[in-house]
Protein backbone atom coordinates (compact mmCIF):
# COMPACT_ATOMS: atom_id res chain seq x y z
CA MET A 1 -102.52 -30.21 -30.71
CA LYS A 2 -101.10 -32.81 -33.12
CA PRO A 3 -102.68 -36.07 -33.53
CA ALA A 4 -99.57 -37.94 -32.31
CA SER A 5 -99.60 -35.96 -29.18
CA ILE A 6 -103.28 -36.59 -28.48
CA ILE A 7 -102.64 -40.34 -28.93
CA ILE A 8 -99.62 -40.24 -26.55
CA LEU A 9 -101.81 -38.32 -23.94
CA TYR A 10 -104.64 -40.79 -24.30
CA LEU A 11 -102.18 -43.83 -23.79
CA ILE A 12 -100.70 -42.15 -20.68
CA ILE A 13 -104.36 -41.65 -19.21
CA ILE A 14 -105.66 -45.08 -19.92
CA ASN A 15 -102.60 -46.72 -18.73
CA LEU A 16 -102.53 -44.91 -15.46
CA LEU A 17 -106.24 -45.81 -15.21
CA ALA A 18 -105.67 -49.41 -15.86
CA PHE A 19 -102.82 -49.30 -13.18
CA LEU A 20 -104.99 -47.70 -10.66
CA LEU A 21 -107.92 -50.00 -11.31
CA MET A 22 -105.67 -53.01 -10.60
CA GLY A 23 -104.59 -51.29 -7.27
CA LEU A 24 -108.09 -50.41 -6.36
CA ASP A 25 -109.37 -53.82 -7.06
CA LYS A 26 -106.64 -55.40 -4.89
CA ARG A 27 -107.41 -53.09 -2.09
CA LYS A 28 -111.08 -53.90 -2.25
CA ALA A 29 -110.17 -57.74 -2.35
CA LYS A 30 -108.21 -57.35 0.92
CA ARG A 31 -111.19 -55.65 2.54
CA HIS A 32 -113.71 -58.00 1.25
CA LYS A 33 -115.59 -55.24 -0.42
CA TRP A 34 -117.45 -54.82 -3.73
CA ARG A 35 -115.01 -55.58 -6.56
CA ILE A 36 -114.21 -54.28 -9.99
CA PRO A 37 -115.62 -56.74 -12.52
CA GLU A 38 -112.99 -58.53 -14.61
CA LYS A 39 -114.53 -57.47 -17.56
CA THR A 40 -113.75 -53.74 -16.60
CA LEU A 41 -110.04 -54.82 -15.88
CA PHE A 42 -109.77 -56.44 -19.39
CA LEU A 43 -111.50 -53.72 -21.09
CA SER A 44 -109.04 -51.02 -19.63
CA ALA A 45 -106.39 -53.18 -21.17
CA ILE A 46 -108.17 -53.71 -24.54
CA ILE A 47 -108.62 -49.90 -25.07
CA GLY A 48 -105.02 -49.09 -24.67
CA GLY A 49 -104.02 -49.69 -20.95
CA SER A 50 -102.34 -53.07 -21.26
CA ILE A 51 -98.91 -51.81 -19.99
CA GLY A 52 -100.62 -50.14 -16.89
CA ALA A 53 -102.71 -53.25 -16.31
CA LEU A 54 -99.49 -55.66 -16.50
CA LEU A 55 -97.48 -53.22 -14.22
CA GLY A 56 -100.45 -53.11 -11.89
CA MET A 57 -100.55 -56.82 -11.74
CA GLN A 58 -97.08 -56.98 -10.73
CA VAL A 59 -96.69 -53.95 -8.35
CA PHE A 60 -99.90 -55.00 -6.49
CA ARG A 61 -99.49 -58.65 -6.91
CA HIS A 62 -102.97 -58.84 -8.29
CA LYS A 63 -104.56 -61.52 -10.57
CA THR A 64 -101.09 -63.00 -10.93
CA LYS A 65 -102.56 -66.47 -10.26
CA HIS A 66 -105.24 -66.19 -12.77
CA ALA A 67 -104.28 -67.81 -16.01
CA SER A 68 -106.76 -65.64 -17.94
CA PHE A 69 -104.84 -62.55 -16.59
CA ARG A 70 -101.35 -64.12 -16.91
CA ILE A 71 -101.94 -64.99 -20.55
CA GLY A 72 -104.55 -62.64 -21.59
CA MET A 73 -103.02 -59.34 -20.66
CA PRO A 74 -99.57 -60.00 -22.37
CA CYS A 75 -101.53 -61.26 -25.55
CA ILE A 76 -103.41 -57.92 -25.54
CA LEU A 77 -100.18 -56.21 -25.36
CA ILE A 78 -98.66 -58.13 -28.24
CA VAL A 79 -101.73 -57.47 -30.41
CA GLN A 80 -101.61 -53.77 -29.77
CA ILE A 81 -97.90 -53.68 -30.50
CA ALA A 82 -98.38 -55.59 -33.55
CA LEU A 83 -101.17 -53.27 -34.83
CA ALA A 84 -99.26 -50.17 -34.01
CA VAL A 85 -96.22 -51.55 -35.94
CA SER A 86 -98.40 -52.66 -38.89
CA TYR A 87 -100.01 -49.28 -38.84
CA TYR A 88 -96.87 -47.45 -39.11
CA ILE A 89 -95.40 -49.89 -41.73
CA PHE A 90 -98.45 -49.81 -43.97
CA ARG A 91 -99.63 -46.30 -43.84
């Protein structure tokens, strides 16, 4: 498998995971059960799942009132895009 294929597969999996974590946390919130820590939600975005986390926020209407998520998740995505672009420009 080529390195680019491995990276794409990783990004698909981590974004799906981040999306599902948002949905699971929303479900748990509605049922007043144990919640997924915010650190975990942010970590899933930081390690590459920012698109999935943002989509999960919108689809499940979860964490959309929290400024740390409304601002933090897009900022993480912007940084990741900037890093990817700079990598491809300067390699």
